[in-house]
């Protein structure tokens, strides 16, 4: 799976270049982002794509020494289920 990394989002595109999965995390301060949206197209649901997006986001946060606030309900649930990454929460 080839995720595309952008400054404030990580996403997948289909062959027609339509975004079919995304996690967005705009900056809210110098070292803090807000994970505010996770979306997976219905054609991909049930395959663990949202979790993979979160893993990619966590890697990007760690690499850039960023902390995260969470306003996306999926992100809140994901961090609850992955306490080893709670050190990234602002």
Protein backbone atom coordinates (compact mmCIF):
# COMPACT_ATOMS: atom_id res chain seq x y z
CA UNK A 1 0.00 0.00 0.00
CA UNK A 2 1.55 3.27 -1.10
CA UNK A 3 0.42 6.05 1.17
CA UNK A 4 1.04 9.58 -0.02
CA UNK A 5 2.51 11.84 2.66
CA UNK A 6 1.69 15.52 2.56
CA UNK A 7 2.43 18.21 5.14
CA UNK A 8 -0.90 17.91 6.97
CA UNK A 9 -2.36 14.66 5.63
CA UNK A 10 -1.62 11.11 4.60
CA UNK A 11 -3.80 9.51 1.96
CA UNK A 12 -4.39 6.87 -0.70
CA UNK A 13 -5.55 7.47 -4.25
CA UNK A 14 -7.19 5.05 -6.66
CA UNK A 15 -6.10 4.63 -10.28
CA UNK A 16 -8.20 7.63 -11.27
CA UNK A 17 -6.34 9.80 -8.72
CA UNK A 18 -9.39 10.12 -6.44
CA UNK A 19 -8.65 10.19 -2.73
CA UNK A 20 -10.06 6.99 -1.21
CA UNK A 21 -8.60 7.14 2.30
CA UNK A 22 -7.16 9.99 4.36
CA UNK A 23 -6.12 11.17 7.79
CA UNK A 24 -5.68 14.93 8.25
CA UNK A 25 -3.74 16.71 10.97
CA UNK A 26 -3.38 20.49 10.55
CA UNK A 27 -0.96 22.33 12.82
CA UNK A 28 -2.52 24.19 15.72
CA UNK A 29 0.75 25.52 17.14
CA UNK A 30 4.48 25.20 16.51
CA UNK A 31 4.76 21.58 17.69
CA UNK A 32 1.14 20.44 17.91
CA UNK A 33 -1.24 19.12 15.28
CA UNK A 34 -4.94 18.28 15.50
CA UNK A 35 -5.84 14.86 14.11
CA UNK A 36 -9.25 16.02 12.98
CA UNK A 37 -10.45 13.66 10.26
CA UNK A 38 -10.10 10.05 9.15
CA UNK A 39 -11.94 8.74 6.12
CA UNK A 40 -11.90 5.38 4.33
CA UNK A 41 -14.00 4.75 1.22
CA UNK A 42 -16.59 2.01 1.60
CA UNK A 43 -14.73 -0.11 -0.98
CA UNK A 44 -11.80 -0.39 1.47
CA UNK A 45 -13.62 -0.74 4.79
CA UNK A 46 -12.89 -3.77 6.92
CA UNK A 47 -9.30 -4.03 5.69
CA UNK A 48 -7.63 -2.10 8.53
CA UNK A 49 -6.85 0.91 6.35
CA UNK A 50 -7.83 3.49 8.99
CA UNK A 51 -5.48 1.85 11.46
CA UNK A 52 -2.68 1.85 8.91
CA UNK A 53 -3.30 5.55 8.29
CA UNK A 54 -2.97 6.18 12.03
CA UNK A 55 0.26 4.18 12.17
CA UNK A 56 1.64 6.30 9.33
CA UNK A 57 0.54 9.47 11.12
CA UNK A 58 2.23 8.35 14.36
CA UNK A 59 5.46 7.70 12.46
CA UNK A 60 5.29 11.14 10.86
CA UNK A 61 4.61 12.78 14.23
CA UNK A 62 7.59 11.03 15.82
CA UNK A 63 9.90 11.88 12.92
CA UNK A 64 8.94 15.56 13.19
CA UNK A 65 8.86 15.80 17.00
CA UNK A 66 5.18 16.74 17.02
CA UNK A 67 2.42 16.17 19.55
CA UNK A 68 -1.24 15.65 18.69
CA UNK A 69 -4.60 16.83 19.89
CA UNK A 70 -7.50 14.65 18.84
CA UNK A 71 -10.84 15.86 17.54
CA UNK A 72 -11.46 12.87 15.27
CA UNK A 73 -13.48 10.19 17.06
CA UNK A 74 -11.60 7.40 15.29
CA UNK A 75 -8.25 8.86 16.38
CA UNK A 76 -9.46 9.02 20.00
CA UNK A 77 -10.49 5.37 19.87
CA UNK A 78 -7.24 4.34 18.14
CA UNK A 79 -5.05 6.02 20.75
CA UNK A 80 -7.10 4.38 23.53
CA UNK A 81 -6.37 1.00 21.93
CA UNK A 82 -2.66 1.81 21.42
CA UNK A 83 -1.42 3.17 24.77
CA UNK A 84 2.19 2.80 23.66
CA UNK A 85 1.65 5.93 21.53
CA UNK A 86 -0.01 8.12 24.14
CA UNK A 87 3.28 9.95 24.69
CA UNK A 88 2.43 11.77 21.44
CA UNK A 89 -0.71 13.35 22.88
CA UNK A 90 -0.59 17.04 23.72
